[in-house]
Amino acid sequence: MCDEVDCSLSRYSSYGARARCDGSGDNKKILVFFYDQHDYTDCVSSSRADLLNLAFTHYSPADAKLNDEAKSLFVTDIPLFLNETQVCQAFSRYGTVIKCKLTPKKHYYNGHIQFSSADAIAQFNDIWAIICLGNSLRVCPASFSKSQRDSCREHVAILAGIPKNIKEADLLEIASQVNAKALNVPLSVNSYKPKPYVYLNFSSFDTLEAAKELSVAFRGKGLTWHPPNEAHTLCHVCGRPGCSPSWMIA
């Protein structure tokens, strides 16, 4: 179709480079540009009879980017053993997903999720994470500024001493008990197995401090609170501070 468009619009002296297609399915569009305002205005003023009544309208890449952002989420902490189909299905519970793209970031994926409508995004002002096959994925609206994204990770604590091979879905009751907004069990870089502690994110300093006053247990075993900067002191086998067996590899 682009060749036919080029042939039709070449009668304009200011017609730019070749027409190109962008998007797919219902979002597919043909992009053209002009160097002269008069030619541009004439082109968008009516449909093109020689192109099956194809109609051109104004298009701004900047406006299109803002429109896409308003319908999109930025997702982090996606384990490498998950794929785009699985992640897309998880977010389909919240709206119609039209785009899902995963990009490697260290030993996780970052994700871009786009819904068909911006209406689906409002709920994620309060939802900081979702569960996908037992794993917690952190989310925020793509329109959030860096300071807004950083604020979601500002108030953090660690609960240590959880058993081996526990996923975040197993800890949702604890997250609810302490009023955490998100949780993440880190994966070992070498073995890619869950470590014996979980990071919990809170909406405020006061909520974090109130949580640390609570005694928390999992499957009858007491867990211990730690600040994030003590993660390197926690045993990669049992989660206790200062106990790191040299014969074990994390």
C-alpha atoms as a PDB file:
ATOM      1  CA  MET A   1       0.000   0.000   0.000  1.00  0.00           C
ATOM      2  CA  CYS A   2       2.893   2.372   0.693  1.00  0.00           C
ATOM      3  CA  ASP A   3       3.938   2.248  -2.974  1.00  0.00           C
ATOM      4  CA  GLU A   4       0.437   3.293  -4.036  1.00  0.00           C
ATOM      5  CA  VAL A   5       0.503   6.150  -1.511  1.00  0.00           C
ATOM      6  CA  ASP A   6       3.882   7.337  -2.825  1.00  0.00           C
ATOM      7  CA  CYS A   7       2.555   7.280  -6.376  1.00  0.00           C
ATOM      8  CA  SER A   8      -0.557   9.263  -5.446  1.00  0.00           C
ATOM      9  CA  LEU A   9       1.141  11.890  -3.268  1.00  0.00           C
ATOM     10  CA  SER A  10       4.164  12.428  -5.502  1.00  0.00           C
ATOM     11  CA  ARG A  11       2.131  15.064  -7.344  1.00  0.00           C
ATOM     12  CA  TYR A  12       2.822  17.355  -4.373  1.00  0.00           C
ATOM     13  CA  SER A  13       6.145  19.119  -4.878  1.00  0.00           C
ATOM     14  CA  SER A  14       6.865  19.139  -1.139  1.00  0.00           C
ATOM     15  CA  TYR A  15       6.056  15.472  -0.528  1.00  0.00           C
ATOM     16  CA  GLY A  16       8.767  13.997   1.714  1.00  0.00           C
ATOM     17  CA  ALA A  17      10.450  10.616   1.816  1.00  0.00           C
ATOM     18  CA  ARG A  18       8.699   7.332   1.154  1.00  0.00           C
ATOM     19  CA  ALA A  19       5.530   6.497   3.071  1.00  0.00           C
ATOM     20  CA  ARG A  20       6.062   4.005   5.876  1.00  0.00           C
ATOM     21  CA  CYS A  21       3.811   1.751   7.897  1.00  0.00           C
ATOM     22  CA  ASP A  22       3.749   1.839  11.688  1.00  0.00           C
ATOM     23  CA  GLY A  23       1.955  -0.399  14.176  1.00  0.00           C
ATOM     24  CA  SER A  24      -0.110  -3.488  13.450  1.00  0.00           C
ATOM     25  CA  GLY A  25      -3.698  -4.696  13.407  1.00  0.00           C
ATOM     26  CA  ASP A  26      -6.230  -2.019  14.308  1.00  0.00           C
ATOM     27  CA  ASN A  27      -3.357   0.308  15.260  1.00  0.00           C
ATOM     28  CA  LYS A  28      -1.652   0.140  11.876  1.00  0.00           C
ATOM     29  CA  LYS A  29      -1.139   3.477  10.157  1.00  0.00           C
ATOM     30  CA  ILE A  30       0.661   4.923   7.129  1.00  0.00           C
ATOM     31  CA  LEU A  31       2.920   7.878   7.898  1.00  0.00           C
ATOM     32  CA  VAL A  32       3.780  10.558   5.328  1.00  0.00           C
ATOM     33  CA  PHE A  33       5.120  14.085   5.636  1.00  0.00           C
ATOM     34  CA  PHE A  34       5.359  17.310   3.666  1.00  0.00           C
ATOM     35  CA  TYR A  35       7.740  20.252   3.644  1.00  0.00           C
ATOM     36  CA  ASP A  36       5.020  22.742   2.724  1.00  0.00           C
ATOM     37  CA  GLN A  37       1.998  23.654   4.864  1.00  0.00           C
ATOM     38  CA  HIS A  38      -0.229  24.238   1.822  1.00  0.00           C
ATOM     39  CA  ASP A  39       0.397  20.739   0.434  1.00  0.00           C
ATOM     40  CA  TYR A  40      -0.100  19.237   3.881  1.00  0.00           C
ATOM     41  CA  THR A  41      -3.432  21.040   4.352  1.00  0.00           C
ATOM     42  CA  ASP A  42      -4.645  19.964   0.929  1.00  0.00           C
ATOM     43  CA  CYS A  43      -3.761  16.329   1.640  1.00  0.00           C
ATOM     44  CA  VAL A  44      -5.690  16.133   4.929  1.00  0.00           C
ATOM     45  CA  SER A  45      -8.688  18.153   3.701  1.00  0.00           C
ATOM     46  CA  SER A  46     -10.461  15.215   2.038  1.00  0.00           C
ATOM     47  CA  SER A  47     -10.219  11.469   1.449  1.00  0.00           C
ATOM     48  CA  ARG A  48      -8.180  10.151  -1.485  1.00  0.00           C
ATOM     49  CA  ALA A  49     -10.457   8.697  -4.163  1.00  0.00           C
ATOM     50  CA  ASP A  50      -7.473   7.118  -5.952  1.00  0.00           C
ATOM     51  CA  LEU A  51      -6.521   5.297  -2.721  1.00  0.00           C
ATOM     52  CA  LEU A  52      -9.874   3.655  -1.971  1.00  0.00           C
ATOM     53  CA  ASN A  53     -10.971   6.811  -0.102  1.00  0.00           C
ATOM     54  CA  LEU A  54      -8.053   6.608   2.314  1.00  0.00           C
ATOM     55  CA  ALA A  55      -8.175   9.643   4.629  1.00  0.00           C
ATOM     56  CA  PHE A  56      -5.090  11.316   6.119  1.00  0.00           C
ATOM     57  CA  THR A  57      -5.212  13.207   9.414  1.00  0.00           C
ATOM     58  CA  HIS A  58      -2.739  15.181  11.492  1.00  0.00           C
ATOM     59  CA  TYR A  59      -0.246  13.009  13.372  1.00  0.00           C
ATOM     60  CA  SER A  60       2.206  14.127  16.057  1.00  0.00           C
ATOM     61  CA  PRO A  61       4.800  11.575  17.264  1.00  0.00           C
ATOM     62  CA  ALA A  62       5.068  13.444  20.576  1.00  0.00           C
ATOM     63  CA  ASP A  63       1.298  13.336  21.119  1.00  0.00           C
ATOM     64  CA  ALA A  64       1.230   9.678  20.105  1.00  0.00           C
ATOM     65  CA  LYS A  65       3.941   8.883  22.672  1.00  0.00           C
ATOM     66  CA  LEU A  66       1.991  10.638  25.428  1.00  0.00           C
ATOM     67  CA  ASN A  67      -1.157   8.786  24.399  1.00  0.00           C
ATOM     68  CA  ASP A  68       0.670   5.442  24.547  1.00  0.00           C
ATOM     69  CA  GLU A  69       2.163   6.313  27.953  1.00  0.00           C
ATOM     70  CA  ALA A  70      -1.287   7.098  29.324  1.00  0.00           C
ATOM     71  CA  LYS A  71      -2.299   3.506  28.525  1.00  0.00           C
ATOM     72  CA  SER A  72       0.925   1.794  29.614  1.00  0.00           C
ATOM     73  CA  LEU A  73       2.673   0.300  32.637  1.00  0.00           C
ATOM     74  CA  PHE A  74       6.363  -0.040  33.460  1.00  0.00           C
ATOM     75  CA  VAL A  75       7.074  -3.437  35.037  1.00  0.00           C
ATOM     76  CA  THR A  76      10.237  -4.601  36.844  1.00  0.00           C
ATOM     77  CA  ASP A  77      11.529  -7.672  38.696  1.00  0.00           C
ATOM     78  CA  ILE A  78      10.221 -10.095  36.061  1.00  0.00           C
ATOM     79  CA  PRO A  79      12.117 -13.407  36.434  1.00  0.00           C
ATOM     80  CA  LEU A  80      13.849 -14.645  33.295  1.00  0.00           C
ATOM     81  CA  PHE A  81      11.905 -17.927  33.374  1.00  0.00           C
ATOM     82  CA  LEU A  82       8.662 -16.072  32.587  1.00  0.00           C
ATOM     83  CA  ASN A  83       7.757 -15.238  28.988  1.00  0.00           C
ATOM     84  CA  GLU A  84       5.688 -12.546  27.295  1.00  0.00           C
ATOM     85  CA  THR A  85       2.624 -14.772  26.929  1.00  0.00           C
ATOM     86  CA  GLN A  86       2.556 -15.561  30.654  1.00  0.00           C
ATOM     87  CA  VAL A  87       3.073 -11.933  31.661  1.00  0.00           C
ATOM     88  CA  CYS A  88       0.409 -10.760  29.206  1.00  0.00           C
ATOM     89  CA  GLN A  89      -2.092 -13.248  30.644  1.00  0.00           C
ATOM     90  CA  ALA A  90      -1.394 -12.006  34.177  1.00  0.00           C
ATOM     91  CA  PHE A  91      -2.121  -8.394  33.231  1.00  0.00           C
ATOM     92  CA  SER A  92      -5.208  -9.370  31.234  1.00  0.00           C
ATOM     93  CA  ARG A  93      -7.019  -9.601  34.576  1.00  0.00           C
ATOM     94  CA  TYR A  94      -6.852  -5.803  34.732  1.00  0.00           C
ATOM     95  CA  GLY A  95      -7.858  -4.858  31.183  1.00  0.00           C
ATOM     96  CA  THR A  96      -7.373  -5.649  27.500  1.00  0.00           C
ATOM     97  CA  VAL A  97      -3.635  -5.878  26.813  1.00  0.00           C
ATOM     98  CA  ILE A  98      -2.607  -4.852  23.284  1.00  0.00           C
ATOM     99  CA  LYS A  99       1.165  -4.872  23.770  1.00  0.00           C
ATOM    100  CA  CYS A 100       3.598  -6.751  25.999  1.00  0.00           C
ATOM    101  CA  LYS A 101       7.342  -6.394  25.559  1.00  0.00           C
ATOM    102  CA  LEU A 102      10.078  -7.760  27.837  1.00  0.00           C
ATOM    103  CA  THR A 103      13.641  -6.398  27.845  1.00  0.00           C
ATOM    104  CA  PRO A 104      16.547  -8.049  29.744  1.00  0.00           C
ATOM    105  CA  LYS A 105      17.876  -5.970  32.655  1.00  0.00           C
ATOM    106  CA  LYS A 106      20.715  -7.656  34.569  1.00  0.00           C
ATOM    107  CA  HIS A 107      19.232 -10.976  35.757  1.00  0.00           C
ATOM    108  CA  TYR A 108      15.584  -9.922  35.375  1.00  0.00           C
ATOM    109  CA  TYR A 109      13.327  -8.520  32.668  1.00  0.00           C
ATOM    110  CA  ASN A 110      11.788  -5.078  32.541  1.00  0.00           C
ATOM    111  CA  GLY A 111       8.412  -4.979  30.858  1.00  0.00           C
ATOM    112  CA  HIS A 112       6.204  -2.582  28.921  1.00  0.00           C
ATOM    113  CA  ILE A 113       2.485  -3.345  29.098  1.00  0.00           C
ATOM    114  CA  GLN A 114       0.002  -1.346  27.040  1.00  0.00           C
ATOM    115  CA  PHE A 115      -3.760  -1.574  27.469  1.00  0.00           C
ATOM    116  CA  SER A 116      -6.409  -0.674  24.924  1.00  0.00           C
ATOM    117  CA  SER A 117      -7.684   2.115  27.180  1.00  0.00           C
ATOM    118  CA  ALA A 118      -6.174   4.524  29.690  1.00  0.00           C
ATOM    119  CA  ASP A 119      -9.038   3.619  32.037  1.00  0.00           C
ATOM    120  CA  ALA A 120      -7.140   0.460  33.027  1.00  0.00           C
ATOM    121  CA  ILE A 121      -4.185   2.472  34.351  1.00  0.00           C
ATOM    122  CA  ALA A 122      -5.898   4.369  37.184  1.00  0.00           C
ATOM    123  CA  GLN A 123      -6.074   1.262  39.397  1.00  0.00           C
ATOM    124  CA  PHE A 124      -2.266   1.027  39.361  1.00  0.00           C
ATOM    125  CA  ASN A 125      -1.913   4.260  41.285  1.00  0.00           C
ATOM    126  CA  ASP A 126      -2.701   2.033  44.273  1.00  0.00           C
ATOM    127  CA  ILE A 127      -1.515  -1.372  43.003  1.00  0.00           C
ATOM    128  CA  TRP A 128       2.281  -1.588  43.262  1.00  0.00           C
ATOM    129  CA  ALA A 129       2.691  -5.246  42.310  1.00  0.00           C
ATOM    130  CA  ILE A 130       0.788  -8.146  40.780  1.00  0.00           C
ATOM    131  CA  ILE A 131       1.274 -11.906  40.962  1.00  0.00           C
ATOM    132  CA  CYS A 132       2.223 -13.886  37.854  1.00  0.00           C
ATOM    133  CA  LEU A 133       2.485 -17.659  38.351  1.00  0.00           C
ATOM    134  CA  GLY A 134       3.416 -17.115  41.989  1.00  0.00           C
ATOM    135  CA  ASN A 135       5.973 -14.382  41.282  1.00  0.00           C
ATOM    136  CA  SER A 136       5.569 -10.737  42.262  1.00  0.00           C
ATOM    137  CA  LEU A 137       6.057  -8.186  39.469  1.00  0.00           C
ATOM    138  CA  ARG A 138       6.470  -4.532  40.457  1.00  0.00           C
ATOM    139  CA  VAL A 139       4.368  -2.107  38.422  1.00  0.00           C
ATOM    140  CA  CYS A 140       3.805   1.612  38.012  1.00  0.00           C
ATOM    141  CA  PRO A 141       2.131   3.766  35.346  1.00  0.00           C
ATOM    142  CA  ALA A 142       4.541   4.565  32.506  1.00  0.00           C
ATOM    143  CA  SER A 143       3.632   8.234  32.891  1.00  0.00           C
ATOM    144  CA  PHE A 144       5.203   8.339  36.375  1.00  0.00           C
ATOM    145  CA  SER A 145       8.221  10.604  36.723  1.00  0.00           C
ATOM    146  CA  LYS A 146      11.491   9.253  38.104  1.00  0.00           C
ATOM    147  CA  SER A 147      10.731  10.790  41.498  1.00  0.00           C
ATOM    148  CA  GLN A 148       7.336   9.067  41.556  1.00  0.00           C
ATOM    149  CA  ARG A 149       8.925   5.721  40.682  1.00  0.00           C
ATOM    150  CA  ASP A 150      11.634   6.222  43.291  1.00  0.00           C
ATOM    151  CA  SER A 151       9.042   7.015  45.969  1.00  0.00           C
ATOM    152  CA  CYS A 152       7.622   3.499  45.566  1.00  0.00           C
ATOM    153  CA  ARG A 153      11.000   2.110  46.676  1.00  0.00           C
ATOM    154  CA  GLU A 154      11.769   4.674  49.365  1.00  0.00           C
ATOM    155  CA  HIS A 155      10.417   2.834  52.416  1.00  0.00           C
ATOM    156  CA  VAL A 156      11.802  -0.710  52.435  1.00  0.00           C
ATOM    157  CA  ALA A 157      12.457  -3.419  55.009  1.00  0.00           C
ATOM    158  CA  ILE A 158      13.616  -7.033  54.902  1.00  0.00           C
ATOM    159  CA  LEU A 159      11.985 -10.015  56.590  1.00  0.00           C
ATOM    160  CA  ALA A 160      14.518 -12.833  56.894  1.00  0.00           C
ATOM    161  CA  GLY A 161      14.319 -16.503  57.725  1.00  0.00           C
ATOM    162  CA  ILE A 162      11.822 -17.767  55.146  1.00  0.00           C
ATOM    163  CA  PRO A 163      12.232 -21.399  53.984  1.00  0.00           C
ATOM    164  CA  LYS A 164      13.826 -22.444  50.705  1.00  0.00           C
ATOM    165  CA  ASN A 165      12.035 -22.155  47.366  1.00  0.00           C
ATOM    166  CA  ILE A 166       9.285 -19.840  48.585  1.00  0.00           C
ATOM    167  CA  LYS A 167       7.598 -17.563  46.049  1.00  0.00           C
ATOM    168  CA  GLU A 168       5.985 -14.218  46.750  1.00  0.00           C
ATOM    169  CA  ALA A 169       2.480 -15.667  46.391  1.00  0.00           C
ATOM    170  CA  ASP A 170       3.197 -17.765  49.500  1.00  0.00           C
ATOM    171  CA  LEU A 171       3.869 -14.564  51.457  1.00  0.00           C
ATOM    172  CA  LEU A 172       0.822 -12.502  50.462  1.00  0.00           C
ATOM    173  CA  GLU A 173      -0.837 -13.042  53.837  1.00  0.00           C
ATOM    174  CA  ILE A 174       2.238 -11.603  55.570  1.00  0.00           C
ATOM    175  CA  ALA A 175       2.309  -8.657  53.156  1.00  0.00           C
ATOM    176  CA  SER A 176      -1.316  -7.947  54.020  1.00  0.00           C
ATOM    177  CA  GLN A 177      -0.640  -8.333  57.754  1.00  0.00           C
ATOM    178  CA  VAL A 178       2.116  -5.684  57.718  1.00  0.00           C
ATOM    179  CA  ASN A 179       0.374  -3.416  55.155  1.00  0.00           C
ATOM    180  CA  ALA A 180       3.127  -3.734  52.548  1.00  0.00           C
ATOM    181  CA  LYS A 181       2.389  -2.416  49.057  1.00  0.00           C
ATOM    182  CA  ALA A 182       4.835  -4.738  47.260  1.00  0.00           C
ATOM    183  CA  LEU A 183       7.149  -7.636  48.013  1.00  0.00           C
ATOM    184  CA  ASN A 184      10.090  -9.274  46.302  1.00  0.00           C
ATOM    185  CA  VAL A 185      12.040 -12.420  47.128  1.00  0.00           C
ATOM    186  CA  PRO A 186      15.407 -11.853  45.411  1.00  0.00           C
ATOM    187  CA  LEU A 187      16.856 -14.579  43.209  1.00  0.00           C
ATOM    188  CA  SER A 188      20.460 -15.712  43.494  1.00  0.00           C
ATOM    189  CA  VAL A 189      22.575 -14.541  40.561  1.00  0.00           C
ATOM    190  CA  ASN A 190      24.348 -17.910  40.362  1.00  0.00           C
ATOM    191  CA  SER A 191      21.684 -20.522  41.111  1.00  0.00           C
ATOM    192  CA  TYR A 192      18.633 -18.337  40.328  1.00  0.00           C
ATOM    193  CA  LYS A 193      16.925 -19.830  43.372  1.00  0.00           C
ATOM    194  CA  PRO A 194      14.985 -17.680  45.880  1.00  0.00           C
ATOM    195  CA  LYS A 195      17.001 -16.274  48.765  1.00  0.00           C
ATOM    196  CA  PRO A 196      15.709 -16.826  52.337  1.00  0.00           C
ATOM    197  CA  TYR A 197      14.423 -13.290  52.803  1.00  0.00           C
ATOM    198  CA  VAL A 198      11.926 -10.900  51.264  1.00  0.00           C
ATOM    199  CA  TYR A 199      11.990  -7.163  50.557  1.00  0.00           C
ATOM    200  CA  LEU A 200       8.796  -5.347  51.552  1.00  0.00           C
ATOM    201  CA  ASN A 201       7.868  -1.897  50.249  1.00  0.00           C
ATOM    202  CA  PHE A 202       5.650   0.485  52.202  1.00  0.00           C
ATOM    203  CA  SER A 203       3.698   3.590  51.282  1.00  0.00           C
ATOM    204  CA  SER A 204       5.175   5.733  54.071  1.00  0.00           C
ATOM    205  CA  PHE A 205       7.780   5.857  56.816  1.00  0.00           C
ATOM    206  CA  ASP A 206       5.076   5.559  59.484  1.00  0.00           C
ATOM    207  CA  THR A 207       3.625   2.424  57.875  1.00  0.00           C
ATOM    208  CA  LEU A 208       7.099   0.900  57.712  1.00  0.00           C
ATOM    209  CA  GLU A 209       7.844   1.670  61.361  1.00  0.00           C
ATOM    210  CA  ALA A 210       4.481   0.258  62.447  1.00  0.00           C
ATOM    211  CA  ALA A 211       5.193  -2.968  60.537  1.00  0.00           C
ATOM    212  CA  LYS A 212       8.560  -3.424  62.236  1.00  0.00           C
ATOM    213  CA  GLU A 213       6.801  -3.427  65.604  1.00  0.00           C
ATOM    214  CA  LEU A 214       4.905  -6.578  64.600  1.00  0.00           C
ATOM    215  CA  SER A 215       6.071 -10.109  65.341  1.00  0.00           C
ATOM    216  CA  VAL A 216       5.830 -12.051  62.093  1.00  0.00           C
ATOM    217  CA  ALA A 217       6.048 -15.801  61.546  1.00  0.00           C
ATOM    218  CA  PHE A 218       5.794 -18.070  58.519  1.00  0.00           C
ATOM    219  CA  ARG A 219       4.742 -21.696  58.917  1.00  0.00           C
ATOM    220  CA  GLY A 220       5.395 -21.490  62.634  1.00  0.00           C
ATOM    221  CA  LYS A 221       8.884 -20.016  62.281  1.00  0.00           C
ATOM    222  CA  GLY A 222       9.605 -16.498  63.491  1.00  0.00           C
ATOM    223  CA  LEU A 223      11.029 -14.051  60.957  1.00  0.00           C
ATOM    224  CA  THR A 224      13.363 -11.154  61.713  1.00  0.00           C
ATOM    225  CA  TRP A 225      13.265  -7.548  60.501  1.00  0.00           C
ATOM    226  CA  HIS A 226      16.320  -5.911  58.920  1.00  0.00           C
ATOM    227  CA  PRO A 227      17.087  -2.700  57.021  1.00  0.00           C
ATOM    228  CA  PRO A 228      18.018  -3.149  53.329  1.00  0.00           C
ATOM    229  CA  ASN A 229      21.687  -2.340  53.959  1.00  0.00           C
ATOM    230  CA  GLU A 230      22.002  -5.506  56.053  1.00  0.00           C
ATOM    231  CA  ALA A 231      21.124  -7.826  53.157  1.00  0.00           C
ATOM    232  CA  HIS A 232      24.792  -8.702  52.594  1.00  0.00           C
ATOM    233  CA  THR A 233      25.081  -9.926  56.206  1.00  0.00           C
ATOM    234  CA  LEU A 234      22.226 -12.433  55.887  1.00  0.00           C
ATOM    235  CA  CYS A 235      23.014 -16.096  55.372  1.00  0.00           C
ATOM    236  CA  HIS A 236      22.057 -17.275  51.893  1.00  0.00           C
ATOM    237  CA  VAL A 237      20.960 -20.625  53.374  1.00  0.00           C
ATOM    238  CA  CYS A 238      18.922 -19.768  56.481  1.00  0.00           C
ATOM    239  CA  GLY A 239      18.600 -15.980  56.341  1.00  0.00           C
ATOM    240  CA  ARG A 240      20.127 -15.439  59.781  1.00  0.00           C
ATOM    241  CA  PRO A 241      22.588 -12.536  60.122  1.00  0.00           C
ATOM    242  CA  GLY A 242      26.261 -13.395  60.395  1.00  0.00           C
ATOM    243  CA  CYS A 243      25.803 -17.038  59.374  1.00  0.00           C
ATOM    244  CA  SER A 244      27.289 -17.623  55.909  1.00  0.00           C
ATOM    245  CA  PRO A 245      28.572 -21.181  55.350  1.00  0.00           C
ATOM    246  CA  SER A 246      31.664 -20.984  53.160  1.00  0.00           C
ATOM    247  CA  TRP A 247      30.879 -24.346  51.605  1.00  0.00           C
ATOM    248  CA  MET A 248      27.606 -23.134  50.144  1.00  0.00           C
ATOM    249  CA  ILE A 249      27.297 -21.161  46.903  1.00  0.00           C
ATOM    250  CA  ALA A 250      24.447 -18.666  46.490  1.00  0.00           C
END
